[in-house]
């Protein structure tokens, strides 16, 4: 699953977010799997209310850049508020569909005027629980929307931070379903927020969030190029098939500079249709211990009773020879 977030999230309800003109259809200008020619509709997309981010779900995979998921995003750069937006573009988080995304924390920044290619390699991690290691299956640990999503370290840390922030300051700075009835922090309690943040970064909140025993992650390789080219600019309007009712500025298709400031292109694909498995194994298991014990037992049983008697006879012979030599030294021989 890919979760796309504007560089400066709009913390607005869904209804108000759509009234401002940033509907899903407008924000996501074009999205399809190039190999299968399957266009995405609004049923394939989901808008997250608190951060106003678009989630693109898919079960299809491709092993080349030509067959991956291609997205073209219209970011409406003139609508940015200068005081609140240090950068333009979007943030994208690629994650398993059953994990809660945090594109603002662990996402990839996509710049306008560029096509960004993201090659994926799935990695499966299996860790050993106590006493061989310290990991958890998520049971007993509170995390963001735990009833709908699996456990993750960042989800646990985020929930712990927000709980301490609510306890100390009476508000939260991120609105999730778990805190939908909690007040939103403002500049009036900024000092309290900074104090809790310092304690969090210095491990002063005692947030115990061990790593999960089983998780999936994606290694990424990112490359980019200027997009669109000047010659390709003339084909954009026809390719996107934009009508006058789409409320997209017509100047976007006439000036290459304006186009590059407002469109973001991203291509997501799997480098190979296989995955890497990283698994912890026990260095000395019960089977290993029994095997070693059996080897030692076999070694000792190799000294049979016959071998014991042979050793005894050898000792007797050595003693006999030694006694004979001593007796020979004490004998006096007469010469006639």
C-alpha atoms as a PDB file:
ATOM      1  CA  UNK A   1       0.000   0.000   0.000  1.00  0.00           C
ATOM      2  CA  UNK A   2       1.212   3.524  -0.800  1.00  0.00           C
ATOM      3  CA  UNK A   3       0.112   6.440   1.364  1.00  0.00           C
ATOM      4  CA  UNK A   4       0.528   9.907  -0.146  1.00  0.00           C
ATOM      5  CA  UNK A   5       0.621  12.961   2.099  1.00  0.00           C
ATOM      6  CA  UNK A   6       0.990  16.653   1.122  1.00  0.00           C
ATOM      7  CA  UNK A   7       4.261  18.148   2.334  1.00  0.00           C
ATOM      8  CA  UNK A   8       2.273  20.277   4.768  1.00  0.00           C
ATOM      9  CA  UNK A   9      -0.657  18.169   6.023  1.00  0.00           C
ATOM     10  CA  UNK A  10      -4.059  19.804   6.213  1.00  0.00           C
ATOM     11  CA  UNK A  11      -5.547  18.955   9.602  1.00  0.00           C
ATOM     12  CA  UNK A  12      -9.148  19.299   8.485  1.00  0.00           C
ATOM     13  CA  UNK A  13     -12.204  17.047   8.452  1.00  0.00           C
ATOM     14  CA  UNK A  14     -12.844  15.162   5.224  1.00  0.00           C
ATOM     15  CA  UNK A  15     -15.875  17.250   4.292  1.00  0.00           C
ATOM     16  CA  UNK A  16     -14.025  20.546   4.754  1.00  0.00           C
ATOM     17  CA  UNK A  17     -10.972  19.158   3.005  1.00  0.00           C
ATOM     18  CA  UNK A  18     -13.022  18.333  -0.080  1.00  0.00           C
ATOM     19  CA  UNK A  19     -14.807  21.700  -0.019  1.00  0.00           C
ATOM     20  CA  UNK A  20     -11.444  23.425  -0.406  1.00  0.00           C
ATOM     21  CA  UNK A  21     -11.082  21.814  -3.821  1.00  0.00           C
ATOM     22  CA  UNK A  22      -8.596  19.069  -3.006  1.00  0.00           C
ATOM     23  CA  UNK A  23     -10.823  16.131  -3.796  1.00  0.00           C
ATOM     24  CA  UNK A  24      -9.335  12.751  -4.499  1.00  0.00           C
ATOM     25  CA  UNK A  25      -9.995  13.000  -8.192  1.00  0.00           C
ATOM     26  CA  UNK A  26      -8.280  16.390  -8.388  1.00  0.00           C
ATOM     27  CA  UNK A  27      -5.321  15.536  -6.185  1.00  0.00           C
ATOM     28  CA  UNK A  28      -4.619  12.245  -7.945  1.00  0.00           C
ATOM     29  CA  UNK A  29      -4.644  13.245 -11.599  1.00  0.00           C
ATOM     30  CA  UNK A  30      -3.641   9.881 -12.975  1.00  0.00           C
ATOM     31  CA  UNK A  31      -2.985   6.482 -11.429  1.00  0.00           C
ATOM     32  CA  UNK A  32      -2.758   3.126 -13.131  1.00  0.00           C
ATOM     33  CA  UNK A  33      -0.735  -0.030 -13.522  1.00  0.00           C
ATOM     34  CA  UNK A  34       1.063   0.391 -16.779  1.00  0.00           C
ATOM     35  CA  UNK A  35       1.489  -3.307 -17.505  1.00  0.00           C
ATOM     36  CA  UNK A  36      -2.153  -4.195 -16.949  1.00  0.00           C
ATOM     37  CA  UNK A  37      -3.686  -0.879 -18.008  1.00  0.00           C
ATOM     38  CA  UNK A  38      -5.915  -0.913 -14.951  1.00  0.00           C
ATOM     39  CA  UNK A  39      -6.967   2.583 -14.016  1.00  0.00           C
ATOM     40  CA  UNK A  40      -7.659   3.411 -10.394  1.00  0.00           C
ATOM     41  CA  UNK A  41     -11.004   4.827  -9.405  1.00  0.00           C
ATOM     42  CA  UNK A  42     -12.135   6.438  -6.173  1.00  0.00           C
ATOM     43  CA  UNK A  43     -13.027   2.981  -4.858  1.00  0.00           C
ATOM     44  CA  UNK A  44      -9.323   2.107  -4.854  1.00  0.00           C
ATOM     45  CA  UNK A  45      -8.480   5.215  -2.852  1.00  0.00           C
ATOM     46  CA  UNK A  46      -9.089   6.221   0.722  1.00  0.00           C
ATOM     47  CA  UNK A  47      -8.731   9.618   2.374  1.00  0.00           C
ATOM     48  CA  UNK A  48      -7.406   9.699   5.924  1.00  0.00           C
ATOM     49  CA  UNK A  49      -9.178  12.447   7.794  1.00  0.00           C
ATOM     50  CA  UNK A  50      -6.612  13.642  10.371  1.00  0.00           C
ATOM     51  CA  UNK A  51      -3.703  14.141   7.983  1.00  0.00           C
ATOM     52  CA  UNK A  52      -5.605  14.396   4.705  1.00  0.00           C
ATOM     53  CA  UNK A  53      -3.506  11.769   3.000  1.00  0.00           C
ATOM     54  CA  UNK A  54      -4.522   9.547   0.101  1.00  0.00           C
ATOM     55  CA  UNK A  55      -4.048   5.779   0.402  1.00  0.00           C
ATOM     56  CA  UNK A  56      -3.645   3.749  -2.782  1.00  0.00           C
ATOM     57  CA  UNK A  57      -4.346   0.049  -2.304  1.00  0.00           C
ATOM     58  CA  UNK A  58      -3.239  -2.633  -4.705  1.00  0.00           C
ATOM     59  CA  UNK A  59      -2.746  -6.397  -4.873  1.00  0.00           C
ATOM     60  CA  UNK A  60      -0.985  -6.441  -8.248  1.00  0.00           C
ATOM     61  CA  UNK A  61       2.787  -6.504  -8.516  1.00  0.00           C
ATOM     62  CA  UNK A  62       5.286  -6.044 -11.309  1.00  0.00           C
ATOM     63  CA  UNK A  63       9.014  -6.668 -11.510  1.00  0.00           C
ATOM     64  CA  UNK A  64      10.073  -3.829 -13.799  1.00  0.00           C
ATOM     65  CA  UNK A  65       9.806  -0.074 -13.855  1.00  0.00           C
ATOM     66  CA  UNK A  66       7.599  -0.281 -16.943  1.00  0.00           C
ATOM     67  CA  UNK A  67       5.042  -2.469 -15.202  1.00  0.00           C
ATOM     68  CA  UNK A  68       4.830  -0.871 -11.766  1.00  0.00           C
ATOM     69  CA  UNK A  69       2.379   1.554 -10.226  1.00  0.00           C
ATOM     70  CA  UNK A  70       2.583   5.032 -11.774  1.00  0.00           C
ATOM     71  CA  UNK A  71       1.069   8.044 -10.024  1.00  0.00           C
ATOM     72  CA  UNK A  72       0.747  11.609 -11.255  1.00  0.00           C
ATOM     73  CA  UNK A  73      -0.186  14.084  -8.524  1.00  0.00           C
ATOM     74  CA  UNK A  74      -1.438  17.645  -8.854  1.00  0.00           C
ATOM     75  CA  UNK A  75      -0.286  19.564  -5.742  1.00  0.00           C
ATOM     76  CA  UNK A  76      -1.741  23.040  -6.474  1.00  0.00           C
ATOM     77  CA  UNK A  77       1.420  24.914  -5.631  1.00  0.00           C
ATOM     78  CA  UNK A  78      -0.216  28.417  -5.778  1.00  0.00           C
ATOM     79  CA  UNK A  79      -2.544  27.385  -2.931  1.00  0.00           C
ATOM     80  CA  UNK A  80       0.346  26.849  -0.485  1.00  0.00           C
ATOM     81  CA  UNK A  81       0.526  29.189   2.503  1.00  0.00           C
ATOM     82  CA  UNK A  82       4.019  30.655   2.680  1.00  0.00           C
ATOM     83  CA  UNK A  83       4.237  30.787   6.459  1.00  0.00           C
ATOM     84  CA  UNK A  84       3.254  27.136   6.877  1.00  0.00           C
ATOM     85  CA  UNK A  85       4.951  25.469   3.906  1.00  0.00           C
ATOM     86  CA  UNK A  86       8.729  25.267   3.876  1.00  0.00           C
ATOM     87  CA  UNK A  87       8.732  22.869   0.935  1.00  0.00           C
ATOM     88  CA  UNK A  88       6.438  21.818  -1.889  1.00  0.00           C
ATOM     89  CA  UNK A  89       5.683  18.284  -2.941  1.00  0.00           C
ATOM     90  CA  UNK A  90       4.283  15.205  -1.247  1.00  0.00           C
ATOM     91  CA  UNK A  91       5.369  12.536   1.237  1.00  0.00           C
ATOM     92  CA  UNK A  92       4.855   8.886   0.408  1.00  0.00           C
ATOM     93  CA  UNK A  93       4.984   5.914   2.767  1.00  0.00           C
ATOM     94  CA  UNK A  94       5.112   2.379   1.381  1.00  0.00           C
ATOM     95  CA  UNK A  95       3.975  -0.138   3.955  1.00  0.00           C
ATOM     96  CA  UNK A  96       2.040  -3.413   4.417  1.00  0.00           C
ATOM     97  CA  UNK A  97      -1.688  -2.839   4.190  1.00  0.00           C
ATOM     98  CA  UNK A  98      -2.329  -3.998   7.769  1.00  0.00           C
ATOM     99  CA  UNK A  99       0.096  -1.507   9.327  1.00  0.00           C
ATOM    100  CA  UNK A 100      -0.729   2.107  10.155  1.00  0.00           C
ATOM    101  CA  UNK A 101       1.220   4.527   7.911  1.00  0.00           C
ATOM    102  CA  UNK A 102       3.237   7.452   9.232  1.00  0.00           C
ATOM    103  CA  UNK A 103       4.395   9.278   6.074  1.00  0.00           C
ATOM    104  CA  UNK A 104       5.251  12.392   8.079  1.00  0.00           C
ATOM    105  CA  UNK A 105       7.828  10.371  10.054  1.00  0.00           C
ATOM    106  CA  UNK A 106       9.179   7.604   7.798  1.00  0.00           C
ATOM    107  CA  UNK A 107       7.994   8.676   4.344  1.00  0.00           C
ATOM    108  CA  UNK A 108       9.796   9.506   1.099  1.00  0.00           C
ATOM    109  CA  UNK A 109       9.741  13.088  -0.172  1.00  0.00           C
ATOM    110  CA  UNK A 110       8.621  13.518  -3.785  1.00  0.00           C
ATOM    111  CA  UNK A 111       9.519  16.798  -5.460  1.00  0.00           C
ATOM    112  CA  UNK A 112       7.402  18.519  -8.149  1.00  0.00           C
ATOM    113  CA  UNK A 113       8.901  18.710 -11.595  1.00  0.00           C
ATOM    114  CA  UNK A 114      10.570  15.320 -11.226  1.00  0.00           C
ATOM    115  CA  UNK A 115       9.720  11.710 -11.893  1.00  0.00           C
ATOM    116  CA  UNK A 116      10.815   9.631  -8.914  1.00  0.00           C
ATOM    117  CA  UNK A 117      11.407   5.910  -9.435  1.00  0.00           C
ATOM    118  CA  UNK A 118      11.189   3.740  -6.307  1.00  0.00           C
ATOM    119  CA  UNK A 119      12.443   0.170  -6.571  1.00  0.00           C
ATOM    120  CA  UNK A 120      11.186  -2.123  -3.809  1.00  0.00           C
ATOM    121  CA  UNK A 121      12.582  -5.263  -2.212  1.00  0.00           C
ATOM    122  CA  UNK A 122      10.425  -6.946   0.409  1.00  0.00           C
ATOM    123  CA  UNK A 123      12.167  -8.119   3.567  1.00  0.00           C
ATOM    124  CA  UNK A 124      10.594 -10.475   6.097  1.00  0.00           C
ATOM    125  CA  UNK A 125      12.005 -10.342   9.628  1.00  0.00           C
ATOM    126  CA  UNK A 126      11.559 -13.119  12.185  1.00  0.00           C
ATOM    127  CA  UNK A 127      12.946 -12.554  15.674  1.00  0.00           C
ATOM    128  CA  UNK A 128      13.148 -14.803  18.709  1.00  0.00           C
ATOM    129  CA  UNK A 129      11.187 -13.932  21.861  1.00  0.00           C
ATOM    130  CA  UNK A 130      12.416 -14.187  25.432  1.00  0.00           C
ATOM    131  CA  UNK A 131      14.724 -15.765  26.657  1.00  0.00           C
ATOM    132  CA  UNK A 132      16.665 -15.721  23.370  1.00  0.00           C
ATOM    133  CA  UNK A 133      15.741 -12.156  22.475  1.00  0.00           C
ATOM    134  CA  UNK A 134      13.406  -9.272  23.260  1.00  0.00           C
ATOM    135  CA  UNK A 135      10.493  -8.969  20.878  1.00  0.00           C
ATOM    136  CA  UNK A 136       6.713  -9.018  21.097  1.00  0.00           C
ATOM    137  CA  UNK A 137       3.693 -10.137  19.132  1.00  0.00           C
ATOM    138  CA  UNK A 138       1.974  -6.865  20.028  1.00  0.00           C
ATOM    139  CA  UNK A 139      -0.335  -8.271  22.683  1.00  0.00           C
ATOM    140  CA  UNK A 140      -0.414  -6.125  25.797  1.00  0.00           C
ATOM    141  CA  UNK A 141       1.220  -3.122  24.090  1.00  0.00           C
ATOM    142  CA  UNK A 142      -0.866  -0.061  23.327  1.00  0.00           C
ATOM    143  CA  UNK A 143      -0.399   1.459  19.864  1.00  0.00           C
ATOM    144  CA  UNK A 144      -2.253   3.724  17.440  1.00  0.00           C
ATOM    145  CA  UNK A 145      -5.598   2.221  16.409  1.00  0.00           C
ATOM    146  CA  UNK A 146      -4.584  -1.164  17.770  1.00  0.00           C
ATOM    147  CA  UNK A 147      -8.005  -2.650  17.020  1.00  0.00           C
ATOM    148  CA  UNK A 148      -7.517  -2.170  13.267  1.00  0.00           C
ATOM    149  CA  UNK A 149      -3.764  -2.330  12.660  1.00  0.00           C
ATOM    150  CA  UNK A 150      -0.872  -4.539  13.694  1.00  0.00           C
ATOM    151  CA  UNK A 151       1.771  -3.525  16.205  1.00  0.00           C
ATOM    152  CA  UNK A 152       4.866  -1.557  15.179  1.00  0.00           C
ATOM    153  CA  UNK A 153       7.565   0.270  17.120  1.00  0.00           C
ATOM    154  CA  UNK A 154       6.732   3.713  15.750  1.00  0.00           C
ATOM    155  CA  UNK A 155       3.005   3.162  16.362  1.00  0.00           C
ATOM    156  CA  UNK A 156       3.712   2.242  19.988  1.00  0.00           C
ATOM    157  CA  UNK A 157       6.050   5.210  20.463  1.00  0.00           C
ATOM    158  CA  UNK A 158       3.544   7.592  18.885  1.00  0.00           C
ATOM    159  CA  UNK A 159       0.750   6.374  21.174  1.00  0.00           C
ATOM    160  CA  UNK A 160       2.990   6.624  24.251  1.00  0.00           C
ATOM    161  CA  UNK A 161       4.046  10.174  23.342  1.00  0.00           C
ATOM    162  CA  UNK A 162       0.474  11.339  22.725  1.00  0.00           C
ATOM    163  CA  UNK A 163      -0.735   9.797  25.985  1.00  0.00           C
ATOM    164  CA  UNK A 164       1.978  11.603  27.951  1.00  0.00           C
ATOM    165  CA  UNK A 165       1.309  14.825  26.050  1.00  0.00           C
ATOM    166  CA  UNK A 166      -2.391  14.596  26.859  1.00  0.00           C
ATOM    167  CA  UNK A 167      -1.614  13.815  30.496  1.00  0.00           C
ATOM    168  CA  UNK A 168       0.838  16.704  30.921  1.00  0.00           C
ATOM    169  CA  UNK A 169      -0.655  19.363  28.643  1.00  0.00           C
ATOM    170  CA  UNK A 170      -4.289  18.296  28.253  1.00  0.00           C
ATOM    171  CA  UNK A 171      -4.021  18.165  24.459  1.00  0.00           C
ATOM    172  CA  UNK A 172      -2.446  16.302  21.541  1.00  0.00           C
ATOM    173  CA  UNK A 173      -0.673  17.565  18.430  1.00  0.00           C
ATOM    174  CA  UNK A 174      -1.822  14.714  16.143  1.00  0.00           C
ATOM    175  CA  UNK A 175      -5.471  13.771  15.767  1.00  0.00           C
ATOM    176  CA  UNK A 176      -6.024  10.033  15.490  1.00  0.00           C
ATOM    177  CA  UNK A 177      -9.107   7.990  16.118  1.00  0.00           C
ATOM    178  CA  UNK A 178      -7.805   7.157  19.589  1.00  0.00           C
ATOM    179  CA  UNK A 179      -7.776  10.875  20.493  1.00  0.00           C
ATOM    180  CA  UNK A 180     -10.665  12.212  18.429  1.00  0.00           C
ATOM    181  CA  UNK A 181     -12.345  13.666  21.538  1.00  0.00           C
ATOM    182  CA  UNK A 182      -9.136  15.270  22.828  1.00  0.00           C
ATOM    183  CA  UNK A 183      -8.304  18.958  22.446  1.00  0.00           C
ATOM    184  CA  UNK A 184      -5.770  20.009  19.810  1.00  0.00           C
ATOM    185  CA  UNK A 185      -2.602  21.647  21.089  1.00  0.00           C
ATOM    186  CA  UNK A 186      -2.008  25.295  20.187  1.00  0.00           C
ATOM    187  CA  UNK A 187       0.709  27.906  20.676  1.00  0.00           C
ATOM    188  CA  UNK A 188      -0.642  28.654  24.136  1.00  0.00           C
ATOM    189  CA  UNK A 189       0.851  25.446  25.513  1.00  0.00           C
ATOM    190  CA  UNK A 190       3.945  25.282  23.290  1.00  0.00           C
ATOM    191  CA  UNK A 191       6.293  25.251  26.285  1.00  0.00           C
ATOM    192  CA  UNK A 192       4.523  22.224  27.706  1.00  0.00           C
ATOM    193  CA  UNK A 193       4.756  20.478  24.331  1.00  0.00           C
ATOM    194  CA  UNK A 194       8.479  21.200  24.070  1.00  0.00           C
ATOM    195  CA  UNK A 195       9.043  19.854  27.558  1.00  0.00           C
ATOM    196  CA  UNK A 196       7.288  16.571  26.747  1.00  0.00           C
ATOM    197  CA  UNK A 197       9.173  16.310  23.436  1.00  0.00           C
ATOM    198  CA  UNK A 198      12.520  16.755  25.192  1.00  0.00           C
ATOM    199  CA  UNK A 199      11.627  14.054  27.683  1.00  0.00           C
ATOM    200  CA  UNK A 200      10.562  11.781  24.837  1.00  0.00           C
ATOM    201  CA  UNK A 201      13.817  12.235  22.886  1.00  0.00           C
ATOM    202  CA  UNK A 202      15.847  11.713  26.073  1.00  0.00           C
ATOM    203  CA  UNK A 203      13.935   8.488  26.873  1.00  0.00           C
ATOM    204  CA  UNK A 204      12.381  10.163  29.880  1.00  0.00           C
ATOM    205  CA  UNK A 205       8.813   9.014  29.173  1.00  0.00           C
ATOM    206  CA  UNK A 206       9.606   5.335  29.775  1.00  0.00           C
ATOM    207  CA  UNK A 207       8.021   4.220  26.515  1.00  0.00           C
ATOM    208  CA  UNK A 208       8.751   0.508  26.356  1.00  0.00           C
ATOM    209  CA  UNK A 209       8.249  -0.451  22.731  1.00  0.00           C
ATOM    210  CA  UNK A 210      10.159  -3.610  21.761  1.00  0.00           C
ATOM    211  CA  UNK A 211      10.507  -4.680  18.174  1.00  0.00           C
ATOM    212  CA  UNK A 212       7.857  -7.059  16.767  1.00  0.00           C
ATOM    213  CA  UNK A 213       8.733 -10.730  16.455  1.00  0.00           C
ATOM    214  CA  UNK A 214       7.417 -10.869  12.901  1.00  0.00           C
ATOM    215  CA  UNK A 215       7.240  -7.962  10.488  1.00  0.00           C
ATOM    216  CA  UNK A 216       7.585  -6.994   6.848  1.00  0.00           C
ATOM    217  CA  UNK A 217       9.492  -4.027   5.547  1.00  0.00           C
ATOM    218  CA  UNK A 218      10.546  -2.677   2.163  1.00  0.00           C
ATOM    219  CA  UNK A 219      14.048  -1.698   1.139  1.00  0.00           C
ATOM    220  CA  UNK A 220      13.938   1.070  -1.434  1.00  0.00           C
ATOM    221  CA  UNK A 221      16.208   2.338  -4.181  1.00  0.00           C
ATOM    222  CA  UNK A 222      15.316   5.838  -5.317  1.00  0.00           C
ATOM    223  CA  UNK A 223      16.281   7.684  -8.473  1.00  0.00           C
ATOM    224  CA  UNK A 224      14.832  10.787 -10.120  1.00  0.00           C
ATOM    225  CA  UNK A 225      14.867  12.804 -13.335  1.00  0.00           C
ATOM    226  CA  UNK A 226      13.351  16.079 -14.521  1.00  0.00           C
ATOM    227  CA  UNK A 227       9.759  15.625 -15.653  1.00  0.00           C
ATOM    228  CA  UNK A 228       8.054  16.456 -17.938  1.00  0.00           C
ATOM    229  CA  UNK A 229      10.438  17.243 -20.755  1.00  0.00           C
ATOM    230  CA  UNK A 230       9.736  20.245 -22.941  1.00  0.00           C
ATOM    231  CA  UNK A 231       8.761  18.086 -25.898  1.00  0.00           C
ATOM    232  CA  UNK A 232       6.466  15.912 -23.773  1.00  0.00           C
ATOM    233  CA  UNK A 233       4.698  18.965 -22.340  1.00  0.00           C
ATOM    234  CA  UNK A 234       2.476  19.264 -25.390  1.00  0.00           C
ATOM    235  CA  UNK A 235       1.103  15.747 -24.934  1.00  0.00           C
ATOM    236  CA  UNK A 236       0.129  16.092 -21.274  1.00  0.00           C
ATOM    237  CA  UNK A 237      -3.236  17.747 -21.800  1.00  0.00           C
ATOM    238  CA  UNK A 238      -4.341  15.096 -24.259  1.00  0.00           C
ATOM    239  CA  UNK A 239      -2.950  12.229 -22.183  1.00  0.00           C
ATOM    240  CA  UNK A 240      -4.695  13.269 -18.971  1.00  0.00           C
ATOM    241  CA  UNK A 241      -7.916  14.059 -20.837  1.00  0.00           C
ATOM    242  CA  UNK A 242      -8.681  16.967 -18.517  1.00  0.00           C
ATOM    243  CA  UNK A 243     -12.010  18.680 -19.068  1.00  0.00           C
ATOM    244  CA  UNK A 244     -13.061  22.210 -18.115  1.00  0.00           C
ATOM    245  CA  UNK A 245     -15.053  20.789 -15.188  1.00  0.00           C
ATOM    246  CA  UNK A 246     -11.931  19.442 -13.462  1.00  0.00           C
ATOM    247  CA  UNK A 247     -11.051  22.900 -12.106  1.00  0.00           C
ATOM    248  CA  UNK A 248      -7.403  22.496 -13.065  1.00  0.00           C
ATOM    249  CA  UNK A 249      -5.768  25.700 -14.248  1.00  0.00           C
ATOM    250  CA  UNK A 250      -5.526  25.690 -18.033  1.00  0.00           C
ATOM    251  CA  UNK A 251      -2.191  27.506 -17.799  1.00  0.00           C
ATOM    252  CA  UNK A 252      -0.785  24.317 -16.300  1.00  0.00           C
ATOM    253  CA  UNK A 253      -0.694  22.743 -19.761  1.00  0.00           C
ATOM    254  CA  UNK A 254       0.727  25.763 -21.587  1.00  0.00           C
ATOM    255  CA  UNK A 255       3.785  26.742 -19.544  1.00  0.00           C
ATOM    256  CA  UNK A 256       6.431  24.105 -18.797  1.00  0.00           C
ATOM    257  CA  UNK A 257       7.616  25.960 -15.695  1.00  0.00           C
ATOM    258  CA  UNK A 258       4.103  26.047 -14.229  1.00  0.00           C
ATOM    259  CA  UNK A 259       3.604  22.394 -15.054  1.00  0.00           C
ATOM    260  CA  UNK A 260       6.785  21.360 -13.253  1.00  0.00           C
ATOM    261  CA  UNK A 261       5.803  23.339 -10.154  1.00  0.00           C
ATOM    262  CA  UNK A 262       2.417  21.621  -9.861  1.00  0.00           C
ATOM    263  CA  UNK A 263       2.849  18.016 -10.983  1.00  0.00           C
ATOM    264  CA  UNK A 264       4.606  15.165  -9.183  1.00  0.00           C
ATOM    265  CA  UNK A 265       5.318  11.895 -10.965  1.00  0.00           C
ATOM    266  CA  UNK A 266       6.242   8.671  -9.153  1.00  0.00           C
ATOM    267  CA  UNK A 267       6.827   5.107 -10.353  1.00  0.00           C
ATOM    268  CA  UNK A 268       6.759   2.247  -7.842  1.00  0.00           C
ATOM    269  CA  UNK A 269       7.847  -1.249  -8.777  1.00  0.00           C
ATOM    270  CA  UNK A 270       9.433  -4.401  -7.376  1.00  0.00           C
ATOM    271  CA  UNK A 271      13.018  -4.936  -8.453  1.00  0.00           C
ATOM    272  CA  UNK A 272      12.546  -8.708  -8.317  1.00  0.00           C
ATOM    273  CA  UNK A 273       9.573 -10.950  -7.631  1.00  0.00           C
ATOM    274  CA  UNK A 274      11.189 -12.546  -4.573  1.00  0.00           C
ATOM    275  CA  UNK A 275      11.849 -11.478  -1.029  1.00  0.00           C
ATOM    276  CA  UNK A 276      14.615 -11.611   1.540  1.00  0.00           C
ATOM    277  CA  UNK A 277      14.109 -13.574   4.751  1.00  0.00           C
ATOM    278  CA  UNK A 278      16.084 -12.544   7.848  1.00  0.00           C
ATOM    279  CA  UNK A 279      15.465 -15.011  10.661  1.00  0.00           C
ATOM    280  CA  UNK A 280      17.003 -15.398  14.088  1.00  0.00           C
ATOM    281  CA  UNK A 281      17.716 -18.976  15.113  1.00  0.00           C
ATOM    282  CA  UNK A 282      18.729 -20.448  18.442  1.00  0.00           C
ATOM    283  CA  UNK A 283      22.473 -20.959  18.751  1.00  0.00           C
ATOM    284  CA  UNK A 284      22.091 -23.819  21.240  1.00  0.00           C
ATOM    285  CA  UNK A 285      18.674 -25.430  21.130  1.00  0.00           C
ATOM    286  CA  UNK A 286      17.356 -28.526  22.912  1.00  0.00           C
ATOM    287  CA  UNK A 287      18.041 -30.642  19.844  1.00  0.00           C
ATOM    288  CA  UNK A 288      21.632 -29.361  19.707  1.00  0.00           C
ATOM    289  CA  UNK A 289      22.135 -30.144  23.397  1.00  0.00           C
ATOM    290  CA  UNK A 290      20.775 -33.696  23.014  1.00  0.00           C
ATOM    291  CA  UNK A 291      22.974 -34.217  19.971  1.00  0.00           C
ATOM    292  CA  UNK A 292      26.089 -33.104  21.874  1.00  0.00           C
ATOM    293  CA  UNK A 293      25.172 -35.263  24.875  1.00  0.00           C
ATOM    294  CA  UNK A 294      24.689 -38.271  22.608  1.00  0.00           C
ATOM    295  CA  UNK A 295      28.104 -37.706  21.031  1.00  0.00           C
ATOM    296  CA  UNK A 296      29.822 -37.576  24.415  1.00  0.00           C
ATOM    297  CA  UNK A 297      27.883 -40.623  25.593  1.00  0.00           C
ATOM    298  CA  UNK A 298      28.968 -42.545  22.509  1.00  0.00           C
ATOM    299  CA  UNK A 299      32.580 -41.540  23.146  1.00  0.00           C
ATOM    300  CA  UNK A 300      32.537 -42.918  26.683  1.00  0.00           C
ATOM    301  CA  UNK A 301      30.651 -46.063  25.700  1.00  0.00           C
ATOM    302  CA  UNK A 302      33.407 -46.710  23.167  1.00  0.00           C
ATOM    303  CA  UNK A 303      35.634 -47.735  26.115  1.00  0.00           C
ATOM    304  CA  UNK A 304      34.117 -51.201  26.383  1.00  0.00           C
ATOM    305  CA  UNK A 305      34.842 -53.823  29.102  1.00  0.00           C
ATOM    306  CA  UNK A 306      37.352 -55.546  26.837  1.00  0.00           C
ATOM    307  CA  UNK A 307      39.245 -52.273  26.492  1.00  0.00           C
ATOM    308  CA  UNK A 308      39.251 -51.914  30.283  1.00  0.00           C
ATOM    309  CA  UNK A 309      40.740 -55.432  30.757  1.00  0.00           C
ATOM    310  CA  UNK A 310      43.323 -54.750  28.069  1.00  0.00           C
ATOM    311  CA  UNK A 311      44.419 -51.653  29.932  1.00  0.00           C
ATOM    312  CA  UNK A 312      44.569 -53.673  33.190  1.00  0.00           C
ATOM    313  CA  UNK A 313      46.755 -56.375  31.583  1.00  0.00           C
ATOM    314  CA  UNK A 314      49.026 -53.689  30.178  1.00  0.00           C
ATOM    315  CA  UNK A 315      49.493 -52.168  33.620  1.00  0.00           C
ATOM    316  CA  UNK A 316      50.258 -55.616  35.139  1.00  0.00           C
ATOM    317  CA  UNK A 317      52.849 -56.325  32.435  1.00  0.00           C
ATOM    318  CA  UNK A 318      54.560 -53.004  33.018  1.00  0.00           C
ATOM    319  CA  UNK A 319      54.723 -53.644  36.757  1.00  0.00           C
ATOM    320  CA  UNK A 320      56.081 -57.176  36.176  1.00  0.00           C
ATOM    321  CA  UNK A 321      58.841 -55.944  33.875  1.00  0.00           C
ATOM    322  CA  UNK A 322      59.812 -53.252  36.350  1.00  0.00           C
ATOM    323  CA  UNK A 323      60.039 -55.761  39.229  1.00  0.00           C
ATOM    324  CA  UNK A 324      62.147 -58.158  37.162  1.00  0.00           C
ATOM    325  CA  UNK A 325      64.619 -55.405  36.361  1.00  0.00           C
ATOM    326  CA  UNK A 326      64.921 -54.515  40.023  1.00  0.00           C
ATOM    327  CA  UNK A 327      65.544 -58.162  40.977  1.00  0.00           C
ATOM    328  CA  UNK A 328      68.159 -58.510  38.255  1.00  0.00           C
ATOM    329  CA  UNK A 329      70.138 -55.581  39.714  1.00  0.00           C
ATOM    330  CA  UNK A 330      70.343 -57.297  43.142  1.00  0.00           C
ATOM    331  CA  UNK A 331      71.677 -60.688  41.860  1.00  0.00           C
ATOM    332  CA  UNK A 332      75.423 -61.531  42.323  1.00  0.00           C
ATOM    333  CA  UNK A 333      77.038 -63.730  39.702  1.00  0.00           C
ATOM    334  CA  UNK A 334      80.233 -65.794  40.593  1.00  0.00           C
ATOM    335  CA  UNK A 335      82.886 -66.364  37.932  1.00  0.00           C
ATOM    336  CA  UNK A 336      84.942 -69.647  38.247  1.00  0.00           C
END
